Amino acid sequence: QVQLVESGGGLVQPGGSLRLSCAASGRLFTNYAGWFRQAPGKEREFVAAIGWRTGNTYYADSVEGRFTISRDNSKNAVYLQMNSLTPEDMAVYYCAADRILSSGSFRSSTRYNYWGQGTQVTVSS
């Protein structure tokens, strides 16, 4: 059974940076790993995804140029470097991974089979 555990959330001032980490336990066979976020009263939304074998990266328009997703296949880990944070980025961030035979867009939460517990990111002065 695959389990995902996020870390790295916290409180940061506007304009600051945070790096989120997500470690997978168990054998991970996946096409995509992704990050989603959910703010209070809002639906969970796509943030970024990375092809596990290709390393290709994809971003939501709202974070393009500020966030960077990366992975370390040897460690079964995925990361999200977040720069120039604004209060609009404040949310619980979740990492996710799909299975080899998963279908649907990598931008959709329904594609992903494994989810972390979430880590809170607070952006405030």
PDB file of N, CA and C in Angstrom:
ATOM      1  N   GLN A   1       0.842  -1.186   0.000  1.00  0.00           N
ATOM      2  CA  GLN A   1       0.000   0.000   0.000  1.00  0.00           C
ATOM      3  C   GLN A   1       0.882   1.242   0.000  1.00  0.00           C
ATOM      4  N   VAL A   2       0.615   2.145  -0.923  1.00  0.00           N
ATOM      5  CA  VAL A   2       1.399   3.368  -1.026  1.00  0.00           C
ATOM      6  C   VAL A   2       0.822   4.426  -0.098  1.00  0.00           C
ATOM      7  N   GLN A   3       1.697   5.081   0.638  1.00  0.00           N
ATOM      8  CA  GLN A   3       1.297   6.207   1.482  1.00  0.00           C
ATOM      9  C   GLN A   3       2.153   7.407   1.120  1.00  0.00           C
ATOM     10  N   LEU A   4       1.516   8.560   1.076  1.00  0.00           N
ATOM     11  CA  LEU A   4       2.208   9.807   0.782  1.00  0.00           C
ATOM     12  C   LEU A   4       2.186  10.697   2.013  1.00  0.00           C
ATOM     13  N   VAL A   5       3.328  11.277   2.322  1.00  0.00           N
ATOM     14  CA  VAL A   5       3.433  12.139   3.497  1.00  0.00           C
ATOM     15  C   VAL A   5       4.068  13.454   3.080  1.00  0.00           C
ATOM     16  N   GLU A   6       3.313  14.551   3.283  1.00  0.00           N
ATOM     17  CA  GLU A   6       3.830  15.870   2.941  1.00  0.00           C
ATOM     18  C   GLU A   6       4.505  16.499   4.146  1.00  0.00           C
ATOM     19  N   SER A   7       5.393  17.424   3.848  1.00  0.00           N
ATOM     20  CA  SER A   7       6.016  18.237   4.883  1.00  0.00           C
ATOM     21  C   SER A   7       6.449  19.553   4.263  1.00  0.00           C
ATOM     22  N   GLY A   8       6.768  20.523   5.119  1.00  0.00           N
ATOM     23  CA  GLY A   8       7.311  21.776   4.626  1.00  0.00           C
ATOM     24  C   GLY A   8       6.360  22.953   4.653  1.00  0.00           C
ATOM     25  N   GLY A   9       5.117  22.737   5.002  1.00  0.00           N
ATOM     26  CA  GLY A   9       4.198  23.856   5.087  1.00  0.00           C
ATOM     27  C   GLY A   9       4.515  24.738   6.278  1.00  0.00           C
ATOM     28  N   GLY A  10       3.830  25.874   6.352  1.00  0.00           N
ATOM     29  CA  GLY A  10       4.047  26.771   7.477  1.00  0.00           C
ATOM     30  C   GLY A  10       3.569  28.169   7.166  1.00  0.00           C
ATOM     31  N   LEU A  11       4.038  29.091   7.983  1.00  0.00           N
ATOM     32  CA  LEU A  11       3.669  30.504   7.850  1.00  0.00           C
ATOM     33  C   LEU A  11       4.792  31.250   7.143  1.00  0.00           C
ATOM     34  N   VAL A  12       4.434  32.043   6.155  1.00  0.00           N
ATOM     35  CA  VAL A  12       5.418  32.819   5.418  1.00  0.00           C
ATOM     36  C   VAL A  12       4.810  34.178   5.087  1.00  0.00           C
ATOM     37  N   GLN A  13       5.643  35.181   5.008  1.00  0.00           N
ATOM     38  CA  GLN A  13       5.178  36.510   4.649  1.00  0.00           C
ATOM     39  C   GLN A  13       4.950  36.610   3.144  1.00  0.00           C
ATOM     40  N   PRO A  14       4.082  37.506   2.720  1.00  0.00           N
ATOM     41  CA  PRO A  14       3.906  37.722   1.277  1.00  0.00           C
ATOM     42  C   PRO A  14       5.243  38.016   0.617  1.00  0.00           C
ATOM     43  N   GLY A  15       5.451  37.388  -0.534  1.00  0.00           N
ATOM     44  CA  GLY A  15       6.714  37.527  -1.228  1.00  0.00           C
ATOM     45  C   GLY A  15       7.739  36.490  -0.840  1.00  0.00           C
ATOM     46  N   GLY A  16       7.450  35.724   0.198  1.00  0.00           N
ATOM     47  CA  GLY A  16       8.385  34.715   0.673  1.00  0.00           C
ATOM     48  C   GLY A  16       8.300  33.409  -0.092  1.00  0.00           C
ATOM     49  N   SER A  17       9.074  32.438   0.376  1.00  0.00           N
ATOM     50  CA  SER A  17       9.171  31.140  -0.296  1.00  0.00           C
ATOM     51  C   SER A  17       8.998  30.007   0.700  1.00  0.00           C
ATOM     52  N   LEU A  18       8.517  28.889   0.193  1.00  0.00           N
ATOM     53  CA  LEU A  18       8.435  27.644   0.942  1.00  0.00           C
ATOM     54  C   LEU A  18       8.730  26.500  -0.023  1.00  0.00           C
ATOM     55  N   ARG A  19       9.239  25.413   0.538  1.00  0.00           N
ATOM     56  CA  ARG A  19       9.451  24.208  -0.263  1.00  0.00           C
ATOM     57  C   ARG A  19       8.712  23.057   0.391  1.00  0.00           C
ATOM     58  N   LEU A  20       7.769  22.514  -0.336  1.00  0.00           N
ATOM     59  CA  LEU A  20       7.021  21.366   0.147  1.00  0.00           C
ATOM     60  C   LEU A  20       7.667  20.080  -0.350  1.00  0.00           C
ATOM     61  N   SER A  21       7.629  19.072   0.494  1.00  0.00           N
ATOM     62  CA  SER A  21       8.146  17.758   0.133  1.00  0.00           C
ATOM     63  C   SER A  21       7.051  16.725   0.308  1.00  0.00           C
ATOM     64  N   CYS A  22       7.143  15.685  -0.495  1.00  0.00           N
ATOM     65  CA  CYS A  22       6.183  14.591  -0.401  1.00  0.00           C
ATOM     66  C   CYS A  22       6.958  13.293  -0.591  1.00  0.00           C
ATOM     67  N   ALA A  23       6.933  12.461   0.419  1.00  0.00           N
ATOM     68  CA  ALA A  23       7.635  11.198   0.365  1.00  0.00           C
ATOM     69  C   ALA A  23       6.646  10.055   0.274  1.00  0.00           C
ATOM     70  N   ALA A  24       6.926   9.132  -0.630  1.00  0.00           N
ATOM     71  CA  ALA A  24       6.059   7.979  -0.813  1.00  0.00           C
ATOM     72  C   ALA A  24       6.689   6.741  -0.190  1.00  0.00           C
ATOM     73  N   SER A  25       5.901   6.037   0.577  1.00  0.00           N
ATOM     74  CA  SER A  25       6.342   4.755   1.114  1.00  0.00           C
ATOM     75  C   SER A  25       5.703   3.652   0.298  1.00  0.00           C
ATOM     76  N   GLY A  26       6.371   2.551   0.202  1.00  0.00           N
ATOM     77  CA  GLY A  26       5.864   1.479  -0.639  1.00  0.00           C
ATOM     78  C   GLY A  26       6.325   1.675  -2.073  1.00  0.00           C
ATOM     79  N   ARG A  27       6.095   0.676  -2.870  1.00  0.00           N
ATOM     80  CA  ARG A  27       6.534   0.737  -4.259  1.00  0.00           C
ATOM     81  C   ARG A  27       5.560   1.613  -5.047  1.00  0.00           C
ATOM     82  N   LEU A  28       6.115   2.611  -5.704  1.00  0.00           N
ATOM     83  CA  LEU A  28       5.294   3.587  -6.414  1.00  0.00           C
ATOM     84  C   LEU A  28       5.467   3.404  -7.911  1.00  0.00           C
ATOM     85  N   PHE A  29       4.411   2.954  -8.558  1.00  0.00           N
ATOM     86  CA  PHE A  29       4.402   2.872 -10.007  1.00  0.00           C
ATOM     87  C   PHE A  29       3.379   3.879 -10.498  1.00  0.00           C
ATOM     88  N   THR A  30       3.878   4.933 -11.074  1.00  0.00           N
ATOM     89  CA  THR A  30       3.000   6.044 -11.364  1.00  0.00           C
ATOM     90  C   THR A  30       3.375   6.701 -12.679  1.00  0.00           C
ATOM     91  N   ASN A  31       2.382   7.327 -13.304  1.00  0.00           N
ATOM     92  CA  ASN A  31       2.650   8.149 -14.470  1.00  0.00           C
ATOM     93  C   ASN A  31       2.897   9.594 -14.086  1.00  0.00           C
ATOM     94  N   TYR A  32       2.052  10.073 -13.177  1.00  0.00           N
ATOM     95  CA  TYR A  32       2.130  11.467 -12.769  1.00  0.00           C
ATOM     96  C   TYR A  32       2.087  11.595 -11.250  1.00  0.00           C
ATOM     97  N   ALA A  33       2.837  12.546 -10.768  1.00  0.00           N
ATOM     98  CA  ALA A  33       2.690  12.999  -9.394  1.00  0.00           C
ATOM     99  C   ALA A  33       2.279  14.462  -9.469  1.00  0.00           C
ATOM    100  N   GLY A  34       1.445  14.870  -8.550  1.00  0.00           N
ATOM    101  CA  GLY A  34       0.939  16.224  -8.632  1.00  0.00           C
ATOM    102  C   GLY A  34       0.754  16.872  -7.283  1.00  0.00           C
ATOM    103  N   TRP A  35       0.556  18.162  -7.345  1.00  0.00           N
ATOM    104  CA  TRP A  35       0.204  18.940  -6.158  1.00  0.00           C
ATOM    105  C   TRP A  35      -1.132  19.630  -6.412  1.00  0.00           C
ATOM    106  N   PHE A  36      -1.990  19.564  -5.429  1.00  0.00           N
ATOM    107  CA  PHE A  36      -3.275  20.247  -5.447  1.00  0.00           C
ATOM    108  C   PHE A  36      -3.361  21.093  -4.185  1.00  0.00           C
ATOM    109  N   ARG A  37      -4.305  22.011  -4.180  1.00  0.00           N
ATOM    110  CA  ARG A  37      -4.509  22.814  -2.979  1.00  0.00           C
ATOM    111  C   ARG A  37      -5.986  23.089  -2.795  1.00  0.00           C
ATOM    112  N   GLN A  38      -6.342  23.325  -1.545  1.00  0.00           N
ATOM    113  CA  GLN A  38      -7.733  23.623  -1.229  1.00  0.00           C
ATOM    114  C   GLN A  38      -7.775  24.703  -0.169  1.00  0.00           C
ATOM    115  N   ALA A  39      -8.381  25.821  -0.537  1.00  0.00           N
ATOM    116  CA  ALA A  39      -8.581  26.925   0.390  1.00  0.00           C
ATOM    117  C   ALA A  39      -9.959  26.775   1.037  1.00  0.00           C
ATOM    118  N   PRO A  40     -10.168  27.377   2.204  1.00  0.00           N
ATOM    119  CA  PRO A  40     -11.463  27.275   2.887  1.00  0.00           C
ATOM    120  C   PRO A  40     -12.607  27.734   1.989  1.00  0.00           C
ATOM    121  N   GLY A  41     -13.629  26.908   1.902  1.00  0.00           N
ATOM    122  CA  GLY A  41     -14.799  27.266   1.108  1.00  0.00           C
ATOM    123  C   GLY A  41     -14.636  27.097  -0.384  1.00  0.00           C
ATOM    124  N   LYS A  42     -13.496  26.575  -0.812  1.00  0.00           N
ATOM    125  CA  LYS A  42     -13.243  26.405  -2.247  1.00  0.00           C
ATOM    126  C   LYS A  42     -12.988  24.949  -2.566  1.00  0.00           C
ATOM    127  N   GLU A  43     -13.140  24.612  -3.840  1.00  0.00           N
ATOM    128  CA  GLU A  43     -12.860  23.263  -4.276  1.00  0.00           C
ATOM    129  C   GLU A  43     -11.348  23.039  -4.378  1.00  0.00           C
ATOM    130  N   ARG A  44     -10.987  21.772  -4.298  1.00  0.00           N
ATOM    131  CA  ARG A  44      -9.583  21.434  -4.494  1.00  0.00           C
ATOM    132  C   ARG A  44      -9.192  21.751  -5.935  1.00  0.00           C
ATOM    133  N   GLU A  45      -8.051  22.395  -6.102  1.00  0.00           N
ATOM    134  CA  GLU A  45      -7.632  22.805  -7.430  1.00  0.00           C
ATOM    135  C   GLU A  45      -6.233  22.316  -7.760  1.00  0.00           C
ATOM    136  N   PHE A  46      -6.013  22.094  -9.024  1.00  0.00           N
ATOM    137  CA  PHE A  46      -4.727  21.658  -9.546  1.00  0.00           C
ATOM    138  C   PHE A  46      -3.698  22.772  -9.392  1.00  0.00           C
ATOM    139  N   VAL A  47      -2.498  22.385  -8.992  1.00  0.00           N
ATOM    140  CA  VAL A  47      -1.390  23.334  -8.883  1.00  0.00           C
ATOM    141  C   VAL A  47      -0.289  22.982  -9.887  1.00  0.00           C
ATOM    142  N   ALA A  48       0.182  21.752  -9.828  1.00  0.00           N
ATOM    143  CA  ALA A  48       1.290  21.353 -10.700  1.00  0.00           C
ATOM    144  C   ALA A  48       1.335  19.838 -10.787  1.00  0.00           C
ATOM    145  N   ALA A  49       1.931  19.337 -11.861  1.00  0.00           N
ATOM    146  CA  ALA A  49       2.120  17.908 -12.034  1.00  0.00           C
ATOM    147  C   ALA A  49       3.438  17.663 -12.747  1.00  0.00           C
ATOM    148  N   ILE A  50       3.953  16.452 -12.558  1.00  0.00           N
ATOM    149  CA  ILE A  50       5.210  16.079 -13.200  1.00  0.00           C
ATOM    150  C   ILE A  50       5.101  14.651 -13.697  1.00  0.00           C
ATOM    151  N   GLY A  51       5.569  14.423 -14.906  1.00  0.00           N
ATOM    152  CA  GLY A  51       5.629  13.069 -15.426  1.00  0.00           C
ATOM    153  C   GLY A  51       6.712  12.313 -14.694  1.00  0.00           C
ATOM    154  N   TRP A  52       6.351  11.175 -14.140  1.00  0.00           N
ATOM    155  CA  TRP A  52       7.302  10.480 -13.268  1.00  0.00           C
ATOM    156  C   TRP A  52       8.489   9.958 -14.053  1.00  0.00           C
ATOM    157  N   ARG A  53       8.241   9.488 -15.270  1.00  0.00           N
ATOM    158  CA  ARG A  53       9.344   8.967 -16.083  1.00  0.00           C
ATOM    159  C   ARG A  53       9.962  10.042 -16.962  1.00  0.00           C
ATOM    160  N   THR A  54       9.145  10.952 -17.482  1.00  0.00           N
ATOM    161  CA  THR A  54       9.650  11.949 -18.431  1.00  0.00           C
ATOM    162  C   THR A  54      10.252  13.169 -17.743  1.00  0.00           C
ATOM    163  N   GLY A  55       9.712  13.500 -16.566  1.00  0.00           N
ATOM    164  CA  GLY A  55      10.124  14.731 -15.905  1.00  0.00           C
ATOM    165  C   GLY A  55       9.450  15.969 -16.466  1.00  0.00           C
ATOM    166  N   ASN A  56       8.542  15.783 -17.407  1.00  0.00           N
ATOM    167  CA  ASN A  56       7.815  16.935 -17.940  1.00  0.00           C
ATOM    168  C   ASN A  56       6.962  17.556 -16.845  1.00  0.00           C
ATOM    169  N   THR A  57       6.890  18.881 -16.845  1.00  0.00           N
ATOM    170  CA  THR A  57       6.173  19.584 -15.792  1.00  0.00           C
ATOM    171  C   THR A  57       5.016  20.408 -16.351  1.00  0.00           C
ATOM    172  N   TYR A  58       4.002  20.566 -15.543  1.00  0.00           N
ATOM    173  CA  TYR A  58       2.781  21.262 -15.942  1.00  0.00           C
ATOM    174  C   TYR A  58       2.299  22.083 -14.751  1.00  0.00           C
ATOM    175  N   TYR A  59       1.782  23.275 -15.051  1.00  0.00           N
ATOM    176  CA  TYR A  59       1.396  24.182 -13.978  1.00  0.00           C
ATOM    177  C   TYR A  59       0.041  24.821 -14.248  1.00  0.00           C
ATOM    178  N   ALA A  60      -0.628  25.159 -13.164  1.00  0.00           N
ATOM    179  CA  ALA A  60      -1.793  26.017 -13.274  1.00  0.00           C
ATOM    180  C   ALA A  60      -1.319  27.419 -13.644  1.00  0.00           C
ATOM    181  N   ASP A  61      -2.144  28.132 -14.371  1.00  0.00           N
ATOM    182  CA  ASP A  61      -1.766  29.483 -14.792  1.00  0.00           C
ATOM    183  C   ASP A  61      -1.437  30.371 -13.594  1.00  0.00           C
ATOM    184  N   SER A  62      -2.125  30.158 -12.505  1.00  0.00           N
ATOM    185  CA  SER A  62      -1.973  31.031 -11.340  1.00  0.00           C
ATOM    186  C   SER A  62      -0.616  30.890 -10.663  1.00  0.00           C
ATOM    187  N   VAL A  63       0.097  29.797 -10.935  1.00  0.00           N
ATOM    188  CA  VAL A  63       1.395  29.589 -10.274  1.00  0.00           C
ATOM    189  C   VAL A  63       2.548  29.520 -11.265  1.00  0.00           C
ATOM    190  N   GLU A  64       2.253  29.518 -12.546  1.00  0.00           N
ATOM    191  CA  GLU A  64       3.287  29.446 -13.570  1.00  0.00           C
ATOM    192  C   GLU A  64       4.313  30.560 -13.361  1.00  0.00           C
ATOM    193  N   GLY A  65       5.585  30.179 -13.363  1.00  0.00           N
ATOM    194  CA  GLY A  65       6.654  31.147 -13.184  1.00  0.00           C
ATOM    195  C   GLY A  65       7.024  31.409 -11.731  1.00  0.00           C
ATOM    196  N   ARG A  66       6.192  30.965 -10.808  1.00  0.00           N
ATOM    197  CA  ARG A  66       6.497  31.160  -9.382  1.00  0.00           C
ATOM    198  C   ARG A  66       6.766  29.840  -8.665  1.00  0.00           C
ATOM    199  N   PHE A  67       6.107  28.786  -9.091  1.00  0.00           N
ATOM    200  CA  PHE A  67       6.248  27.474  -8.459  1.00  0.00           C
ATOM    201  C   PHE A  67       7.034  26.549  -9.388  1.00  0.00           C
ATOM    202  N   THR A  68       7.764  25.631  -8.768  1.00  0.00           N
ATOM    203  CA  THR A  68       8.502  24.628  -9.525  1.00  0.00           C
ATOM    204  C   THR A  68       8.293  23.264  -8.895  1.00  0.00           C
ATOM    205  N   ILE A  69       7.825  22.320  -9.682  1.00  0.00           N
ATOM    206  CA  ILE A  69       7.663  20.949  -9.220  1.00  0.00           C
ATOM    207  C   ILE A  69       8.853  20.134  -9.699  1.00  0.00           C
ATOM    208  N   SER A  70       9.320  19.235  -8.850  1.00  0.00           N
ATOM    209  CA  SER A  70      10.428  18.365  -9.213  1.00  0.00           C
ATOM    210  C   SER A  70      10.228  17.028  -8.524  1.00  0.00           C
ATOM    211  N   ARG A  71      11.012  16.026  -8.950  1.00  0.00           N
ATOM    212  CA  ARG A  71      10.912  14.719  -8.303  1.00  0.00           C
ATOM    213  C   ARG A  71      12.271  14.069  -8.222  1.00  0.00           C
ATOM    214  N   ASP A  72      12.371  13.163  -7.297  1.00  0.00           N
ATOM    215  CA  ASP A  72      13.568  12.350  -7.144  1.00  0.00           C
ATOM    216  C   ASP A  72      13.093  10.901  -7.172  1.00  0.00           C
ATOM    217  N   ASN A  73      13.240  10.266  -8.330  1.00  0.00           N
ATOM    218  CA  ASN A  73      12.734   8.905  -8.486  1.00  0.00           C
ATOM    219  C   ASN A  73      13.393   7.937  -7.503  1.00  0.00           C
ATOM    220  N   SER A  74      14.669   8.149  -7.230  1.00  0.00           N
ATOM    221  CA  SER A  74      15.388   7.225  -6.350  1.00  0.00           C
ATOM    222  C   SER A  74      14.856   7.280  -4.921  1.00  0.00           C
ATOM    223  N   LYS A  75      14.284   8.418  -4.559  1.00  0.00           N
ATOM    224  CA  LYS A  75      13.753   8.580  -3.207  1.00  0.00           C
ATOM    225  C   LYS A  75      12.236   8.493  -3.166  1.00  0.00           C
ATOM    226  N   ASN A  76      11.617   8.265  -4.318  1.00  0.00           N
ATOM    227  CA  ASN A  76      10.153   8.269  -4.387  1.00  0.00           C
ATOM    228  C   ASN A  76       9.590   9.547  -3.771  1.00  0.00           C
ATOM    229  N   ALA A  77      10.155  10.661  -4.155  1.00  0.00           N
ATOM    230  CA  ALA A  77       9.768  11.928  -3.558  1.00  0.00           C
ATOM    231  C   ALA A  77       9.451  12.957  -4.633  1.00  0.00           C
ATOM    232  N   VAL A  78       8.550  13.848  -4.303  1.00  0.00           N
ATOM    233  CA  VAL A  78       8.209  14.957  -5.184  1.00  0.00           C
ATOM    234  C   VAL A  78       8.213  16.234  -4.358  1.00  0.00           C
ATOM    235  N   TYR A  79       8.595  17.326  -4.991  1.00  0.00           N
ATOM    236  CA  TYR A  79       8.783  18.579  -4.278  1.00  0.00           C
ATOM    237  C   TYR A  79       8.023  19.697  -4.977  1.00  0.00           C
ATOM    238  N   LEU A  80       7.708  20.738  -4.222  1.00  0.00           N
ATOM    239  CA  LEU A  80       7.101  21.929  -4.796  1.00  0.00           C
ATOM    240  C   LEU A  80       7.795  23.140  -4.188  1.00  0.00           C
ATOM    241  N   GLN A  81       8.603  23.798  -4.994  1.00  0.00           N
ATOM    242  CA  GLN A  81       9.241  25.039  -4.578  1.00  0.00           C
ATOM    243  C   GLN A  81       8.292  26.179  -4.913  1.00  0.00           C
ATOM    244  N   MET A  82       7.937  26.952  -3.905  1.00  0.00           N
ATOM    245  CA  MET A  82       6.970  28.030  -4.078  1.00  0.00           C
ATOM    246  C   MET A  82       7.643  29.352  -3.757  1.00  0.00           C
ATOM    247  N   ASN A  83       7.702  30.234  -4.735  1.00  0.00           N
ATOM    248  CA  ASN A  83       8.313  31.548  -4.570  1.00  0.00           C
ATOM    249  C   ASN A  83       7.274  32.635  -4.780  1.00  0.00           C
ATOM    250  N   SER A  84       7.601  33.825  -4.317  1.00  0.00           N
ATOM    251  CA  SER A  84       6.720  34.989  -4.494  1.00  0.00           C
ATOM    252  C   SER A  84       5.296  34.684  -4.036  1.00  0.00           C
ATOM    253  N   LEU A  85       5.186  34.114  -2.873  1.00  0.00           N
ATOM    254  CA  LEU A  85       3.880  33.707  -2.365  1.00  0.00           C
ATOM    255  C   LEU A  85       3.009  34.915  -2.059  1.00  0.00           C
ATOM    256  N   THR A  86       1.731  34.750  -2.308  1.00  0.00           N
ATOM    257  CA  THR A  86       0.739  35.786  -2.029  1.00  0.00           C
ATOM    258  C   THR A  86      -0.343  35.194  -1.131  1.00  0.00           C
ATOM    259  N   PRO A  87      -1.170  36.031  -0.528  1.00  0.00           N
ATOM    260  CA  PRO A  87      -2.264  35.498   0.298  1.00  0.00           C
ATOM    261  C   PRO A  87      -3.200  34.582  -0.491  1.00  0.00           C
ATOM    262  N   GLU A  88      -3.272  34.771  -1.807  1.00  0.00           N
ATOM    263  CA  GLU A  88      -4.129  33.898  -2.629  1.00  0.00           C
ATOM    264  C   GLU A  88      -3.586  32.476  -2.712  1.00  0.00           C
ATOM    265  N   ASP A  89      -2.343  32.275  -2.343  1.00  0.00           N
ATOM    266  CA  ASP A  89      -1.757  30.932  -2.345  1.00  0.00           C
ATOM    267  C   ASP A  89      -2.033  30.178  -1.049  1.00  0.00           C
ATOM    268  N   MET A  90      -2.609  30.832  -0.100  1.00  0.00           N
ATOM    269  CA  MET A  90      -2.851  30.212   1.198  1.00  0.00           C
ATOM    270  C   MET A  90      -3.905  29.118   1.069  1.00  0.00           C
ATOM    271  N   ALA A  91      -3.537  27.910   1.510  1.00  0.00           N
ATOM    272  CA  ALA A  91      -4.409  26.751   1.353  1.00  0.00           C
ATOM    273  C   ALA A  91      -3.749  25.543   2.020  1.00  0.00           C
ATOM    274  N   VAL A  92      -4.489  24.455   2.075  1.00  0.00           N
ATOM    275  CA  VAL A  92      -3.894  23.162   2.404  1.00  0.00           C
ATOM    276  C   VAL A  92      -3.422  22.544   1.090  1.00  0.00           C
ATOM    277  N   TYR A  93      -2.170  22.150   1.066  1.00  0.00           N
ATOM    278  CA  TYR A  93      -1.576  21.583  -0.131  1.00  0.00           C
ATOM    279  C   TYR A  93      -1.468  20.073   0.013  1.00  0.00           C
ATOM    280  N   TYR A  94      -1.881  19.380  -1.037  1.00  0.00           N
ATOM    281  CA  TYR A  94      -1.876  17.926  -1.052  1.00  0.00           C
ATOM    282  C   TYR A  94      -1.006  17.421  -2.190  1.00  0.00           C
ATOM    283  N   CYS A  95      -0.205  16.426  -1.919  1.00  0.00           N
ATOM    284  CA  CYS A  95       0.457  15.747  -3.023  1.00  0.00           C
ATOM    285  C   CYS A  95      -0.355  14.519  -3.403  1.00  0.00           C
ATOM    286  N   ALA A  96      -0.203  14.104  -4.626  1.00  0.00           N
ATOM    287  CA  ALA A  96      -0.999  13.004  -5.140  1.00  0.00           C
ATOM    288  C   ALA A  96      -0.186  12.240  -6.176  1.00  0.00           C
ATOM    289  N   ALA A  97      -0.528  10.975  -6.335  1.00  0.00           N
ATOM    290  CA  ALA A  97       0.105  10.146  -7.353  1.00  0.00           C
ATOM    291  C   ALA A  97      -0.945   9.243  -7.972  1.00  0.00           C
ATOM    292  N   ASP A  98      -0.783   8.981  -9.249  1.00  0.00           N
ATOM    293  CA  ASP A  98      -1.738   8.100  -9.914  1.00  0.00           C
ATOM    294  C   ASP A  98      -1.144   6.702 -10.046  1.00  0.00           C
ATOM    295  N   ARG A  99      -1.875   5.828 -10.698  1.00  0.00           N
ATOM    296  CA  ARG A  99      -1.363   4.493 -11.024  1.00  0.00           C
ATOM    297  C   ARG A  99      -1.063   4.454 -12.513  1.00  0.00           C
ATOM    298  N   ILE A 100      -0.304   3.463 -12.914  1.00  0.00           N
ATOM    299  CA  ILE A 100       0.089   3.346 -14.307  1.00  0.00           C
ATOM    300  C   ILE A 100      -1.134   3.341 -15.222  1.00  0.00           C
ATOM    301  N   LEU A 101      -2.199   2.689 -14.820  1.00  0.00           N
ATOM    302  CA  LEU A 101      -3.382   2.551 -15.679  1.00  0.00           C
ATOM    303  C   LEU A 101      -4.445   3.610 -15.396  1.00  0.00           C
ATOM    304  N   SER A 102      -4.107   4.613 -14.630  1.00  0.00           N
ATOM    305  CA  SER A 102      -5.082   5.669 -14.358  1.00  0.00           C
ATOM    306  C   SER A 102      -5.434   6.387 -15.658  1.00  0.00           C
ATOM    307  N   SER A 103      -6.646   6.927 -15.707  1.00  0.00           N
ATOM    308  CA  SER A 103      -7.087   7.656 -16.893  1.00  0.00           C
ATOM    309  C   SER A 103      -7.564   9.037 -16.497  1.00  0.00           C
ATOM    310  N   GLY A 104      -7.739   9.869 -17.509  1.00  0.00           N
ATOM    311  CA  GLY A 104      -8.193  11.214 -17.253  1.00  0.00           C
ATOM    312  C   GLY A 104      -7.048  12.200 -17.248  1.00  0.00           C
ATOM    313  N   SER A 105      -7.388  13.453 -17.220  1.00  0.00           N
ATOM    314  CA  SER A 105      -6.379  14.508 -17.262  1.00  0.00           C
ATOM    315  C   SER A 105      -5.573  14.550 -15.977  1.00  0.00           C
ATOM    316  N   PHE A 106      -4.276  14.802 -16.107  1.00  0.00           N
ATOM    317  CA  PHE A 106      -3.437  14.936 -14.912  1.00  0.00           C
ATOM    318  C   PHE A 106      -3.788  16.201 -14.137  1.00  0.00           C
ATOM    319  N   ARG A 107      -4.612  17.073 -14.728  1.00  0.00           N
ATOM    320  CA  ARG A 107      -5.057  18.281 -14.022  1.00  0.00           C
ATOM    321  C   ARG A 107      -6.278  18.016 -13.150  1.00  0.00           C
ATOM    322  N   SER A 108      -6.838  16.829 -13.287  1.00  0.00           N
ATOM    323  CA  SER A 108      -8.049  16.489 -12.548  1.00  0.00           C
ATOM    324  C   SER A 108      -7.723  15.632 -11.337  1.00  0.00           C
ATOM    325  N   SER A 109      -8.308  15.979 -10.202  1.00  0.00           N
ATOM    326  CA  SER A 109      -8.055  15.211  -8.982  1.00  0.00           C
ATOM    327  C   SER A 109      -8.573  13.777  -9.098  1.00  0.00           C
ATOM    328  N   THR A 110      -9.519  13.550  -9.969  1.00  0.00           N
ATOM    329  CA  THR A 110     -10.094  12.208 -10.094  1.00  0.00           C
ATOM    330  C   THR A 110      -9.113  11.205 -10.698  1.00  0.00           C
ATOM    331  N   ARG A 111      -8.052  11.693 -11.320  1.00  0.00           N
ATOM    332  CA  ARG A 111      -7.072  10.784 -11.894  1.00  0.00           C
ATOM    333  C   ARG A 111      -6.226  10.089 -10.818  1.00  0.00           C
ATOM    334  N   TYR A 112      -6.088  10.750  -9.699  1.00  0.00           N
ATOM    335  CA  TYR A 112      -5.096  10.328  -8.710  1.00  0.00           C
ATOM    336  C   TYR A 112      -5.676   9.357  -7.683  1.00  0.00           C
ATOM    337  N   ASN A 113      -4.886   8.346  -7.381  1.00  0.00           N
ATOM    338  CA  ASN A 113      -5.323   7.280  -6.493  1.00  0.00           C
ATOM    339  C   ASN A 113      -4.760   7.418  -5.080  1.00  0.00           C
ATOM    340  N   TYR A 114      -3.622   8.059  -4.964  1.00  0.00           N
ATOM    341  CA  TYR A 114      -2.959   8.174  -3.672  1.00  0.00           C
ATOM    342  C   TYR A 114      -2.843   9.645  -3.312  1.00  0.00           C
ATOM    343  N   TRP A 115      -3.158   9.938  -2.058  1.00  0.00           N
ATOM    344  CA  TRP A 115      -3.140  11.310  -1.570  1.00  0.00           C
ATOM    345  C   TRP A 115      -2.429  11.381  -0.225  1.00  0.00           C
ATOM    346  N   GLY A 116      -1.733  12.489  -0.037  1.00  0.00           N
ATOM    347  CA  GLY A 116      -1.176  12.764   1.270  1.00  0.00           C
ATOM    348  C   GLY A 116      -2.224  13.375   2.189  1.00  0.00           C
ATOM    349  N   GLN A 117      -1.838  13.625   3.408  1.00  0.00           N
ATOM    350  CA  GLN A 117      -2.767  14.142   4.414  1.00  0.00           C
ATOM    351  C   GLN A 117      -2.935  15.648   4.309  1.00  0.00           C
ATOM    352  N   GLY A 118      -2.059  16.303   3.564  1.00  0.00           N
ATOM    353  CA  GLY A 118      -2.143  17.745   3.397  1.00  0.00           C
ATOM    354  C   GLY A 118      -1.232  18.489   4.355  1.00  0.00           C
ATOM    355  N   THR A 119      -0.739  19.617   3.903  1.00  0.00           N
ATOM    356  CA  THR A 119       0.088  20.479   4.732  1.00  0.00           C
ATOM    357  C   THR A 119      -0.381  21.925   4.530  1.00  0.00           C
ATOM    358  N   GLN A 120      -0.521  22.636   5.636  1.00  0.00           N
ATOM    359  CA  GLN A 120      -1.073  23.990   5.591  1.00  0.00           C
ATOM    360  C   GLN A 120       0.003  24.986   5.176  1.00  0.00           C
ATOM    361  N   VAL A 121      -0.349  25.844   4.232  1.00  0.00           N
ATOM    362  CA  VAL A 121       0.500  26.961   3.844  1.00  0.00           C
ATOM    363  C   VAL A 121      -0.267  28.245   4.158  1.00  0.00           C
ATOM    364  N   THR A 122       0.305  29.055   5.019  1.00  0.00           N
ATOM    365  CA  THR A 122      -0.313  30.317   5.417  1.00  0.00           C
ATOM    366  C   THR A 122       0.579  31.469   4.975  1.00  0.00           C
ATOM    367  N   VAL A 123      -0.001  32.395   4.241  1.00  0.00           N
ATOM    368  CA  VAL A 123       0.748  33.552   3.749  1.00  0.00           C
ATOM    369  C   VAL A 123       0.138  34.794   4.390  1.00  0.00           C
ATOM    370  N   SER A 124       0.883  35.388   5.270  1.00  0.00           N
ATOM    371  CA  SER A 124       0.351  36.522   6.022  1.00  0.00           C
ATOM    372  C   SER A 124       1.491  37.338   6.590  1.00  0.00           C
ATOM    373  N   SER A 125       1.264  38.647   6.666  1.00  0.00           N
ATOM    374  CA  SER A 125       2.254  39.527   7.285  1.00  0.00           C
ATOM    375  C   SER A 125       1.942  39.715   8.771  1.00  0.00           C
TER     376      SER A 125
END
